[in-house]
């Protein structure tokens, strides 16, 4: 089963609301992208990308986690639903989630 099929299967059960938006993380070969999405209104509340960051993927994951957590706090968001987008919960994807938790956002 490829990643797109896994992602579609996951999205059947995961949905972000205004009180608890969805944190969607995408990993390419060299970069990470994260968005905080309210699926009821179909809008992106906050986003972060590692395109201008230097270093390994894990260093970029720490940066993305801290950035998303800070932007979420500014919006008054205390809880998120984590959407791994079909990627395994391992490595950089896991590090983004763990960093958001360390910053005080409940996932």
PDB file of N, CA and C in Angstrom:
ATOM      1  N   UNK A   1       0.859  -1.175   0.000  1.00  0.00           N
ATOM      2  CA  UNK A   1       0.000   0.000   0.000  1.00  0.00           C
ATOM      3  C   UNK A   1       0.906   1.240   0.000  1.00  0.00           C
ATOM      4  N   UNK A   2       0.700   2.109  -0.937  1.00  0.00           N
ATOM      5  CA  UNK A   2       1.566   3.283  -1.000  1.00  0.00           C
ATOM      6  C   UNK A   2       1.099   4.378  -0.046  1.00  0.00           C
ATOM      7  N   UNK A   3       1.913   5.432   0.075  1.00  0.00           N
ATOM      8  CA  UNK A   3       1.662   6.485   1.052  1.00  0.00           C
ATOM      9  C   UNK A   3       0.346   7.210   0.829  1.00  0.00           C
ATOM     10  N   UNK A   4      -0.018   7.450  -0.426  1.00  0.00           N
ATOM     11  CA  UNK A   4      -1.267   8.176  -0.720  1.00  0.00           C
ATOM     12  C   UNK A   4      -2.479   7.379  -0.239  1.00  0.00           C
ATOM     13  N   UNK A   5      -2.477   6.080  -0.457  1.00  0.00           N
ATOM     14  CA  UNK A   5      -3.581   5.247   0.014  1.00  0.00           C
ATOM     15  C   UNK A   5      -3.655   5.254   1.536  1.00  0.00           C
ATOM     16  N   UNK A   6      -2.495   5.183   2.191  1.00  0.00           N
ATOM     17  CA  UNK A   6      -2.466   5.243   3.656  1.00  0.00           C
ATOM     18  C   UNK A   6      -3.000   6.579   4.145  1.00  0.00           C
ATOM     19  N   UNK A   7      -2.581   7.651   3.477  1.00  0.00           N
ATOM     20  CA  UNK A   7      -3.023   8.981   3.872  1.00  0.00           C
ATOM     21  C   UNK A   7      -4.539   9.114   3.735  1.00  0.00           C
ATOM     22  N   UNK A   8      -5.101   8.628   2.645  1.00  0.00           N
ATOM     23  CA  UNK A   8      -6.552   8.688   2.449  1.00  0.00           C
ATOM     24  C   UNK A   8      -7.285   7.882   3.510  1.00  0.00           C
ATOM     25  N   UNK A   9      -6.741   6.739   3.879  1.00  0.00           N
ATOM     26  CA  UNK A   9      -7.347   5.902   4.916  1.00  0.00           C
ATOM     27  C   UNK A   9      -7.307   6.610   6.273  1.00  0.00           C
ATOM     28  N   UNK A  10      -6.191   7.250   6.578  1.00  0.00           N
ATOM     29  CA  UNK A  10      -6.054   7.982   7.836  1.00  0.00           C
ATOM     30  C   UNK A  10      -7.030   9.155   7.871  1.00  0.00           C
ATOM     31  N   UNK A  11      -7.161   9.869   6.755  1.00  0.00           N
ATOM     32  CA  UNK A  11      -8.014  11.062   6.693  1.00  0.00           C
ATOM     33  C   UNK A  11      -9.501  10.747   6.846  1.00  0.00           C
ATOM     34  N   UNK A  12      -9.894   9.480   6.684  1.00  0.00           N
ATOM     35  CA  UNK A  12     -11.281   9.119   6.895  1.00  0.00           C
ATOM     36  C   UNK A  12     -11.667   9.257   8.365  1.00  0.00           C
ATOM     37  N   UNK A  13     -10.698   9.080   9.261  1.00  0.00           N
ATOM     38  CA  UNK A  13     -11.003   9.137  10.686  1.00  0.00           C
ATOM     39  C   UNK A  13     -10.476  10.391  11.369  1.00  0.00           C
ATOM     40  N   UNK A  14      -9.556  11.117  10.755  1.00  0.00           N
ATOM     41  CA  UNK A  14      -8.970  12.318  11.374  1.00  0.00           C
ATOM     42  C   UNK A  14      -9.555  13.563  10.715  1.00  0.00           C
ATOM     43  N   UNK A  15     -10.035  14.473  11.557  1.00  0.00           N
ATOM     44  CA  UNK A  15     -10.547  15.740  11.053  1.00  0.00           C
ATOM     45  C   UNK A  15     -10.272  16.823  12.089  1.00  0.00           C
ATOM     46  N   UNK A  16      -9.889  17.999  11.624  1.00  0.00           N
ATOM     47  CA  UNK A  16      -9.599  19.105  12.524  1.00  0.00           C
ATOM     48  C   UNK A  16     -10.810  20.003  12.687  1.00  0.00           C
ATOM     49  N   UNK A  17     -11.023  20.478  13.907  1.00  0.00           N
ATOM     50  CA  UNK A  17     -12.115  21.403  14.195  1.00  0.00           C
ATOM     51  C   UNK A  17     -11.522  22.733  14.645  1.00  0.00           C
ATOM     52  N   UNK A  18     -12.372  23.698  14.921  1.00  0.00           N
ATOM     53  CA  UNK A  18     -11.887  25.000  15.379  1.00  0.00           C
ATOM     54  C   UNK A  18     -11.233  24.874  16.753  1.00  0.00           C
ATOM     55  N   UNK A  19     -11.771  24.003  17.621  1.00  0.00           N
ATOM     56  CA  UNK A  19     -11.208  23.818  18.953  1.00  0.00           C
ATOM     57  C   UNK A  19      -9.945  22.970  18.924  1.00  0.00           C
ATOM     58  N   UNK A  20      -9.902  22.002  18.016  1.00  0.00           N
ATOM     59  CA  UNK A  20      -8.764  21.078  17.929  1.00  0.00           C
ATOM     60  C   UNK A  20      -8.387  20.869  16.459  1.00  0.00           C
ATOM     61  N   UNK A  21      -7.615  21.802  15.885  1.00  0.00           N
ATOM     62  CA  UNK A  21      -7.240  21.699  14.471  1.00  0.00           C
ATOM     63  C   UNK A  21      -6.291  20.535  14.198  1.00  0.00           C
ATOM     64  N   UNK A  22      -6.149  20.236  12.933  1.00  0.00           N
ATOM     65  CA  UNK A  22      -5.296  19.127  12.486  1.00  0.00           C
ATOM     66  C   UNK A  22      -3.902  19.652  12.152  1.00  0.00           C
ATOM     67  N   UNK A  23      -2.877  18.981  12.691  1.00  0.00           N
ATOM     68  CA  UNK A  23      -1.489  19.295  12.364  1.00  0.00           C
ATOM     69  C   UNK A  23      -1.035  18.300  11.299  1.00  0.00           C
ATOM     70  N   UNK A  24      -0.972  18.744  10.059  1.00  0.00           N
ATOM     71  CA  UNK A  24      -0.563  17.891   8.939  1.00  0.00           C
ATOM     72  C   UNK A  24       0.909  18.126   8.651  1.00  0.00           C
ATOM     73  N   UNK A  25       1.684  17.044   8.624  1.00  0.00           N
ATOM     74  CA  UNK A  25       3.125  17.122   8.386  1.00  0.00           C
ATOM     75  C   UNK A  25       3.445  16.393   7.091  1.00  0.00           C
ATOM     76  N   UNK A  26       4.222  17.036   6.228  1.00  0.00           N
ATOM     77  CA  UNK A  26       4.675  16.426   4.981  1.00  0.00           C
ATOM     78  C   UNK A  26       6.195  16.413   4.965  1.00  0.00           C
ATOM     79  N   UNK A  27       6.766  15.291   4.566  1.00  0.00           N
ATOM     80  CA  UNK A  27       8.216  15.149   4.510  1.00  0.00           C
ATOM     81  C   UNK A  27       8.627  14.816   3.087  1.00  0.00           C
ATOM     82  N   UNK A  28       9.510  15.657   2.538  1.00  0.00           N
ATOM     83  CA  UNK A  28      10.114  15.320   1.254  1.00  0.00           C
ATOM     84  C   UNK A  28      11.499  14.760   1.560  1.00  0.00           C
ATOM     85  N   UNK A  29      12.289  14.557   0.554  1.00  0.00           N
ATOM     86  CA  UNK A  29      13.617  13.976   0.767  1.00  0.00           C
ATOM     87  C   UNK A  29      14.500  14.900   1.600  1.00  0.00           C
ATOM     88  N   UNK A  30      14.404  16.207   1.395  1.00  0.00           N
ATOM     89  CA  UNK A  30      15.287  17.154   2.077  1.00  0.00           C
ATOM     90  C   UNK A  30      14.600  18.137   3.005  1.00  0.00           C
ATOM     91  N   UNK A  31      13.272  18.249   2.954  1.00  0.00           N
ATOM     92  CA  UNK A  31      12.588  19.290   3.721  1.00  0.00           C
ATOM     93  C   UNK A  31      11.322  18.769   4.382  1.00  0.00           C
ATOM     94  N   UNK A  32      10.828  19.571   5.320  1.00  0.00           N
ATOM     95  CA  UNK A  32       9.582  19.284   6.024  1.00  0.00           C
ATOM     96  C   UNK A  32       8.635  20.471   5.871  1.00  0.00           C
ATOM     97  N   UNK A  33       7.349  20.171   5.849  1.00  0.00           N
ATOM     98  CA  UNK A  33       6.317  21.199   5.800  1.00  0.00           C
ATOM     99  C   UNK A  33       5.244  20.802   6.810  1.00  0.00           C
ATOM    100  N   UNK A  34       4.704  21.776   7.522  1.00  0.00           N
ATOM    101  CA  UNK A  34       3.648  21.504   8.495  1.00  0.00           C
ATOM    102  C   UNK A  34       2.580  22.585   8.389  1.00  0.00           C
ATOM    103  N   UNK A  35       1.325  22.168   8.572  1.00  0.00           N
ATOM    104  CA  UNK A  35       0.196  23.092   8.528  1.00  0.00           C
ATOM    105  C   UNK A  35      -0.757  22.769   9.661  1.00  0.00           C
ATOM    106  N   UNK A  36      -1.338  23.793  10.245  1.00  0.00           N
ATOM    107  CA  UNK A  36      -2.414  23.639  11.215  1.00  0.00           C
ATOM    108  C   UNK A  36      -3.693  24.013  10.473  1.00  0.00           C
ATOM    109  N   UNK A  37      -4.596  23.029  10.345  1.00  0.00           N
ATOM    110  CA  UNK A  37      -5.752  23.161   9.455  1.00  0.00           C
ATOM    111  C   UNK A  37      -7.057  22.999  10.230  1.00  0.00           C
ATOM    112  N   UNK A  38      -8.012  23.898   9.976  1.00  0.00           N
ATOM    113  CA  UNK A  38      -9.377  23.766  10.463  1.00  0.00           C
ATOM    114  C   UNK A  38     -10.199  23.187   9.316  1.00  0.00           C
ATOM    115  N   UNK A  39     -10.548  21.910   9.408  1.00  0.00           N
ATOM    116  CA  UNK A  39     -11.246  21.230   8.313  1.00  0.00           C
ATOM    117  C   UNK A  39     -12.712  21.631   8.199  1.00  0.00           C
ATOM    118  N   UNK A  40     -13.309  22.145   9.271  1.00  0.00           N
ATOM    119  CA  UNK A  40     -14.712  22.551   9.179  1.00  0.00           C
ATOM    120  C   UNK A  40     -14.874  23.777   8.284  1.00  0.00           C
ATOM    121  N   UNK A  41     -13.897  24.693   8.313  1.00  0.00           N
ATOM    122  CA  UNK A  41     -13.924  25.886   7.468  1.00  0.00           C
ATOM    123  C   UNK A  41     -13.015  25.748   6.248  1.00  0.00           C
ATOM    124  N   UNK A  42     -12.243  24.679   6.187  1.00  0.00           N
ATOM    125  CA  UNK A  42     -11.291  24.427   5.102  1.00  0.00           C
ATOM    126  C   UNK A  42     -10.279  25.559   4.954  1.00  0.00           C
ATOM    127  N   UNK A  43      -9.684  25.948   6.092  1.00  0.00           N
ATOM    128  CA  UNK A  43      -8.663  26.993   6.057  1.00  0.00           C
ATOM    129  C   UNK A  43      -7.412  26.543   6.812  1.00  0.00           C
ATOM    130  N   UNK A  44      -6.278  27.075   6.377  1.00  0.00           N
ATOM    131  CA  UNK A  44      -5.014  26.846   7.057  1.00  0.00           C
ATOM    132  C   UNK A  44      -4.809  27.976   8.052  1.00  0.00           C
ATOM    133  N   UNK A  45      -4.646  27.612   9.318  1.00  0.00           N
ATOM    134  CA  UNK A  45      -4.484  28.612  10.367  1.00  0.00           C
ATOM    135  C   UNK A  45      -3.029  29.042  10.526  1.00  0.00           C
ATOM    136  N   UNK A  46      -2.106  28.097  10.375  1.00  0.00           N
ATOM    137  CA  UNK A  46      -0.680  28.390  10.509  1.00  0.00           C
ATOM    138  C   UNK A  46       0.101  27.383   9.673  1.00  0.00           C
ATOM    139  N   UNK A  47       1.281  27.806   9.223  1.00  0.00           N
ATOM    140  CA  UNK A  47       2.116  26.882   8.464  1.00  0.00           C
ATOM    141  C   UNK A  47       3.580  27.189   8.718  1.00  0.00           C
ATOM    142  N   UNK A  48       4.426  26.184   8.468  1.00  0.00           N
ATOM    143  CA  UNK A  48       5.870  26.350   8.610  1.00  0.00           C
ATOM    144  C   UNK A  48       6.551  25.433   7.601  1.00  0.00           C
ATOM    145  N   UNK A  49       7.696  25.881   7.109  1.00  0.00           N
ATOM    146  CA  UNK A  49       8.463  25.086   6.168  1.00  0.00           C
ATOM    147  C   UNK A  49       9.943  25.206   6.496  1.00  0.00           C
ATOM    148  N   UNK A  50      10.704  24.217   6.090  1.00  0.00           N
ATOM    149  CA  UNK A  50      12.138  24.197   6.381  1.00  0.00           C
ATOM    150  C   UNK A  50      12.972  24.549   5.155  1.00  0.00           C
ATOM    151  N   UNK A  51      12.380  25.188   4.174  1.00  0.00           N
ATOM    152  CA  UNK A  51      13.090  25.468   2.923  1.00  0.00           C
ATOM    153  C   UNK A  51      14.305  26.369   3.112  1.00  0.00           C
ATOM    154  N   UNK A  52      14.259  27.286   4.071  1.00  0.00           N
ATOM    155  CA  UNK A  52      15.378  28.209   4.271  1.00  0.00           C
ATOM    156  C   UNK A  52      16.317  27.768   5.389  1.00  0.00           C
ATOM    157  N   UNK A  53      16.045  26.627   5.998  1.00  0.00           N
ATOM    158  CA  UNK A  53      16.876  26.123   7.089  1.00  0.00           C
ATOM    159  C   UNK A  53      18.011  25.263   6.558  1.00  0.00           C
ATOM    160  N   UNK A  54      19.127  25.289   7.266  1.00  0.00           N
ATOM    161  CA  UNK A  54      20.283  24.451   6.939  1.00  0.00           C
ATOM    162  C   UNK A  54      20.381  23.342   7.968  1.00  0.00           C
ATOM    163  N   UNK A  55      21.019  22.245   7.600  1.00  0.00           N
ATOM    164  CA  UNK A  55      21.247  21.154   8.536  1.00  0.00           C
ATOM    165  C   UNK A  55      20.524  19.890   8.125  1.00  0.00           C
ATOM    166  N   UNK A  56      20.581  18.919   9.025  1.00  0.00           N
ATOM    167  CA  UNK A  56      19.959  17.630   8.753  1.00  0.00           C
ATOM    168  C   UNK A  56      18.439  17.723   8.870  1.00  0.00           C
ATOM    169  N   UNK A  57      17.765  16.667   8.469  1.00  0.00           N
ATOM    170  CA  UNK A  57      16.313  16.630   8.535  1.00  0.00           C
ATOM    171  C   UNK A  57      15.832  16.687   9.982  1.00  0.00           C
ATOM    172  N   UNK A  58      16.597  16.122  10.909  1.00  0.00           N
ATOM    173  CA  UNK A  58      16.215  16.143  12.319  1.00  0.00           C
ATOM    174  C   UNK A  58      16.323  17.561  12.890  1.00  0.00           C
ATOM    175  N   UNK A  59      17.336  18.305  12.490  1.00  0.00           N
ATOM    176  CA  UNK A  59      17.475  19.700  12.923  1.00  0.00           C
ATOM    177  C   UNK A  59      16.307  20.515  12.386  1.00  0.00           C
ATOM    178  N   UNK A  60      15.935  20.264  11.149  1.00  0.00           N
ATOM    179  CA  UNK A  60      14.800  20.955  10.538  1.00  0.00           C
ATOM    180  C   UNK A  60      13.497  20.580  11.235  1.00  0.00           C
ATOM    181  N   UNK A  61      13.379  19.319  11.687  1.00  0.00           N
ATOM    182  CA  UNK A  61      12.178  18.864  12.383  1.00  0.00           C
ATOM    183  C   UNK A  61      11.999  19.597  13.711  1.00  0.00           C
ATOM    184  N   UNK A  62      13.098  19.814  14.426  1.00  0.00           N
ATOM    185  CA  UNK A  62      13.036  20.563  15.685  1.00  0.00           C
ATOM    186  C   UNK A  62      12.576  21.995  15.411  1.00  0.00           C
ATOM    187  N   UNK A  63      13.123  22.612  14.379  1.00  0.00           N
ATOM    188  CA  UNK A  63      12.740  23.978  14.000  1.00  0.00           C
ATOM    189  C   UNK A  63      11.255  24.051  13.650  1.00  0.00           C
ATOM    190  N   UNK A  64      10.772  23.113  12.849  1.00  0.00           N
ATOM    191  CA  UNK A  64       9.365  23.097  12.429  1.00  0.00           C
ATOM    192  C   UNK A  64       8.453  22.919  13.643  1.00  0.00           C
ATOM    193  N   UNK A  65       8.806  22.002  14.534  1.00  0.00           N
ATOM    194  CA  UNK A  65       7.997  21.762  15.732  1.00  0.00           C
ATOM    195  C   UNK A  65       7.872  22.993  16.602  1.00  0.00           C
ATOM    196  N   UNK A  66       9.003  23.676  16.838  1.00  0.00           N
ATOM    197  CA  UNK A  66       8.975  24.886  17.659  1.00  0.00           C
ATOM    198  C   UNK A  66       8.187  26.006  16.977  1.00  0.00           C
ATOM    199  N   UNK A  67       8.373  26.166  15.675  1.00  0.00           N
ATOM    200  CA  UNK A  67       7.688  27.222  14.934  1.00  0.00           C
ATOM    201  C   UNK A  67       6.181  27.018  14.941  1.00  0.00           C
ATOM    202  N   UNK A  68       5.744  25.804  14.665  1.00  0.00           N
ATOM    203  CA  UNK A  68       4.299  25.508  14.643  1.00  0.00           C
ATOM    204  C   UNK A  68       3.700  25.686  16.034  1.00  0.00           C
ATOM    205  N   UNK A  69       4.410  25.247  17.059  1.00  0.00           N
ATOM    206  CA  UNK A  69       3.904  25.399  18.422  1.00  0.00           C
ATOM    207  C   UNK A  69       3.763  26.875  18.788  1.00  0.00           C
ATOM    208  N   UNK A  70       4.749  27.693  18.432  1.00  0.00           N
ATOM    209  CA  UNK A  70       4.683  29.128  18.728  1.00  0.00           C
ATOM    210  C   UNK A  70       3.518  29.789  18.002  1.00  0.00           C
ATOM    211  N   UNK A  71       3.334  29.454  16.736  1.00  0.00           N
ATOM    212  CA  UNK A  71       2.232  30.039  15.962  1.00  0.00           C
ATOM    213  C   UNK A  71       0.878  29.587  16.505  1.00  0.00           C
ATOM    214  N   UNK A  72       0.799  28.327  16.960  1.00  0.00           N
ATOM    215  CA  UNK A  72      -0.449  27.819  17.529  1.00  0.00           C
ATOM    216  C   UNK A  72      -0.778  28.526  18.838  1.00  0.00           C
ATOM    217  N   UNK A  73       0.247  28.757  19.661  1.00  0.00           N
ATOM    218  CA  UNK A  73       0.030  29.464  20.926  1.00  0.00           C
ATOM    219  C   UNK A  73      -0.470  30.888  20.676  1.00  0.00           C
ATOM    220  N   UNK A  74       0.078  31.549  19.656  1.00  0.00           N
ATOM    221  CA  UNK A  74      -0.373  32.901  19.319  1.00  0.00           C
ATOM    222  C   UNK A  74      -1.848  32.922  18.938  1.00  0.00           C
ATOM    223  N   UNK A  75      -2.316  31.832  18.307  1.00  0.00           N
ATOM    224  CA  UNK A  75      -3.717  31.733  17.905  1.00  0.00           C
ATOM    225  C   UNK A  75      -4.613  31.242  19.034  1.00  0.00           C
ATOM    226  N   UNK A  76      -4.018  30.876  20.169  1.00  0.00           N
ATOM    227  CA  UNK A  76      -4.795  30.390  21.307  1.00  0.00           C
ATOM    228  C   UNK A  76      -5.160  28.919  21.206  1.00  0.00           C
ATOM    229  N   UNK A  77      -4.448  28.165  20.420  1.00  0.00           N
ATOM    230  CA  UNK A  77      -4.710  26.738  20.241  1.00  0.00           C
ATOM    231  C   UNK A  77      -3.912  25.963  21.278  1.00  0.00           C
ATOM    232  N   UNK A  78      -4.606  25.091  22.037  1.00  0.00           N
ATOM    233  CA  UNK A  78      -3.937  24.305  23.075  1.00  0.00           C
ATOM    234  C   UNK A  78      -3.883  22.827  22.749  1.00  0.00           C
ATOM    235  N   UNK A  79      -4.714  22.379  21.792  1.00  0.00           N
ATOM    236  CA  UNK A  79      -4.753  20.966  21.410  1.00  0.00           C
ATOM    237  C   UNK A  79      -4.765  20.835  19.896  1.00  0.00           C
ATOM    238  N   UNK A  80      -4.078  19.808  19.400  1.00  0.00           N
ATOM    239  CA  UNK A  80      -4.034  19.524  17.966  1.00  0.00           C
ATOM    240  C   UNK A  80      -4.286  18.043  17.730  1.00  0.00           C
ATOM    241  N   UNK A  81      -4.766  17.713  16.551  1.00  0.00           N
ATOM    242  CA  UNK A  81      -4.867  16.336  16.090  1.00  0.00           C
ATOM    243  C   UNK A  81      -3.704  16.125  15.136  1.00  0.00           C
ATOM    244  N   UNK A  82      -2.904  15.090  15.348  1.00  0.00           N
ATOM    245  CA  UNK A  82      -1.711  14.875  14.531  1.00  0.00           C
ATOM    246  C   UNK A  82      -2.041  14.023  13.312  1.00  0.00           C
ATOM    247  N   UNK A  83      -1.708  14.526  12.138  1.00  0.00           N
ATOM    248  CA  UNK A  83      -1.902  13.828  10.868  1.00  0.00           C
ATOM    249  C   UNK A  83      -0.522  13.589  10.264  1.00  0.00           C
ATOM    250  N   UNK A  84      -0.091  12.339  10.256  1.00  0.00           N
ATOM    251  CA  UNK A  84       1.246  12.012   9.759  1.00  0.00           C
ATOM    252  C   UNK A  84       1.284  11.842   8.246  1.00  0.00           C
ATOM    253  N   UNK A  85       0.177  12.012   7.579  1.00  0.00           N
ATOM    254  CA  UNK A  85       0.071  12.005   6.114  1.00  0.00           C
ATOM    255  C   UNK A  85       0.569  10.725   5.464  1.00  0.00           C
ATOM    256  N   UNK A  86       0.383   9.606   6.126  1.00  0.00           N
ATOM    257  CA  UNK A  86       0.775   8.324   5.557  1.00  0.00           C
ATOM    258  C   UNK A  86       2.223   7.950   5.794  1.00  0.00           C
ATOM    259  N   UNK A  87       3.006   8.844   6.386  1.00  0.00           N
ATOM    260  CA  UNK A  87       4.398   8.528   6.711  1.00  0.00           C
ATOM    261  C   UNK A  87       4.440   7.762   8.028  1.00  0.00           C
ATOM    262  N   UNK A  88       5.472   6.925   8.203  1.00  0.00           N
ATOM    263  CA  UNK A  88       5.618   6.214   9.465  1.00  0.00           C
ATOM    264  C   UNK A  88       5.934   7.199  10.580  1.00  0.00           C
ATOM    265  N   UNK A  89       5.426   6.905  11.779  1.00  0.00           N
ATOM    266  CA  UNK A  89       5.715   7.740  12.946  1.00  0.00           C
ATOM    267  C   UNK A  89       7.118   7.371  13.430  1.00  0.00           C
ATOM    268  N   UNK A  90       8.104   7.984  12.757  1.00  0.00           N
ATOM    269  CA  UNK A  90       9.492   7.597  12.950  1.00  0.00           C
ATOM    270  C   UNK A  90      10.376   8.737  12.473  1.00  0.00           C
ATOM    271  N   UNK A  91      11.511   8.932  13.095  1.00  0.00           N
ATOM    272  CA  UNK A  91      12.479   9.907  12.620  1.00  0.00           C
ATOM    273  C   UNK A  91      11.980  11.337  12.690  1.00  0.00           C
ATOM    274  N   UNK A  92      12.038  12.039  11.570  1.00  0.00           N
ATOM    275  CA  UNK A  92      11.707  13.469  11.524  1.00  0.00           C
ATOM    276  C   UNK A  92      10.228  13.717  11.821  1.00  0.00           C
ATOM    277  N   UNK A  93       9.339  12.836  11.369  1.00  0.00           N
ATOM    278  CA  UNK A  93       7.906  12.999  11.634  1.00  0.00           C
ATOM    279  C   UNK A  93       7.655  12.920  13.137  1.00  0.00           C
ATOM    280  N   UNK A  94       8.266  11.954  13.784  1.00  0.00           N
ATOM    281  CA  UNK A  94       8.135  11.800  15.229  1.00  0.00           C
ATOM    282  C   UNK A  94       8.728  13.008  15.955  1.00  0.00           C
ATOM    283  N   UNK A  95       9.849  13.508  15.483  1.00  0.00           N
ATOM    284  CA  UNK A  95      10.526  14.634  16.126  1.00  0.00           C
ATOM    285  C   UNK A  95       9.668  15.897  16.076  1.00  0.00           C
ATOM    286  N   UNK A  96       8.969  16.133  14.982  1.00  0.00           N
ATOM    287  CA  UNK A  96       8.067  17.290  14.887  1.00  0.00           C
ATOM    288  C   UNK A  96       6.990  17.187  15.961  1.00  0.00           C
ATOM    289  N   UNK A  97       6.372  16.022  16.074  1.00  0.00           N
ATOM    290  CA  UNK A  97       5.309  15.806  17.050  1.00  0.00           C
ATOM    291  C   UNK A  97       5.834  15.968  18.476  1.00  0.00           C
ATOM    292  N   UNK A  98       6.977  15.373  18.767  1.00  0.00           N
ATOM    293  CA  UNK A  98       7.555  15.454  20.109  1.00  0.00           C
ATOM    294  C   UNK A  98       7.921  16.894  20.465  1.00  0.00           C
ATOM    295  N   UNK A  99       8.430  17.644  19.514  1.00  0.00           N
ATOM    296  CA  UNK A  99       8.811  19.036  19.767  1.00  0.00           C
ATOM    297  C   UNK A  99       7.588  19.888  20.060  1.00  0.00           C
ATOM    298  N   UNK A 100       6.495  19.650  19.334  1.00  0.00           N
ATOM    299  CA  UNK A 100       5.249  20.390  19.598  1.00  0.00           C
ATOM    300  C   UNK A 100       4.751  20.079  21.013  1.00  0.00           C
ATOM    301  N   UNK A 101       4.846  18.810  21.414  1.00  0.00           N
ATOM    302  CA  UNK A 101       4.441  18.424  22.778  1.00  0.00           C
ATOM    303  C   UNK A 101       5.322  19.115  23.825  1.00  0.00           C
ATOM    304  N   UNK A 102       6.635  19.187  23.572  1.00  0.00           N
ATOM    305  CA  UNK A 102       7.547  19.824  24.526  1.00  0.00           C
ATOM    306  C   UNK A 102       7.239  21.306  24.700  1.00  0.00           C
ATOM    307  N   UNK A 103       6.694  21.926  23.666  1.00  0.00           N
ATOM    308  CA  UNK A 103       6.361  23.352  23.716  1.00  0.00           C
ATOM    309  C   UNK A 103       5.018  23.597  24.425  1.00  0.00           C
ATOM    310  N   UNK A 104       4.331  22.537  24.845  1.00  0.00           N
ATOM    311  CA  UNK A 104       3.124  22.709  25.644  1.00  0.00           C
ATOM    312  C   UNK A 104       1.810  22.520  24.917  1.00  0.00           C
ATOM    313  N   UNK A 105       1.832  22.065  23.687  1.00  0.00           N
ATOM    314  CA  UNK A 105       0.603  21.805  22.937  1.00  0.00           C
ATOM    315  C   UNK A 105       0.250  20.326  23.113  1.00  0.00           C
ATOM    316  N   UNK A 106      -1.007  20.043  23.454  1.00  0.00           N
ATOM    317  CA  UNK A 106      -1.442  18.669  23.641  1.00  0.00           C
ATOM    318  C   UNK A 106      -1.816  18.042  22.302  1.00  0.00           C
ATOM    319  N   UNK A 107      -1.245  16.867  22.039  1.00  0.00           N
ATOM    320  CA  UNK A 107      -1.573  16.129  20.805  1.00  0.00           C
ATOM    321  C   UNK A 107      -2.137  14.785  21.197  1.00  0.00           C
TER     322      UNK A 107
END
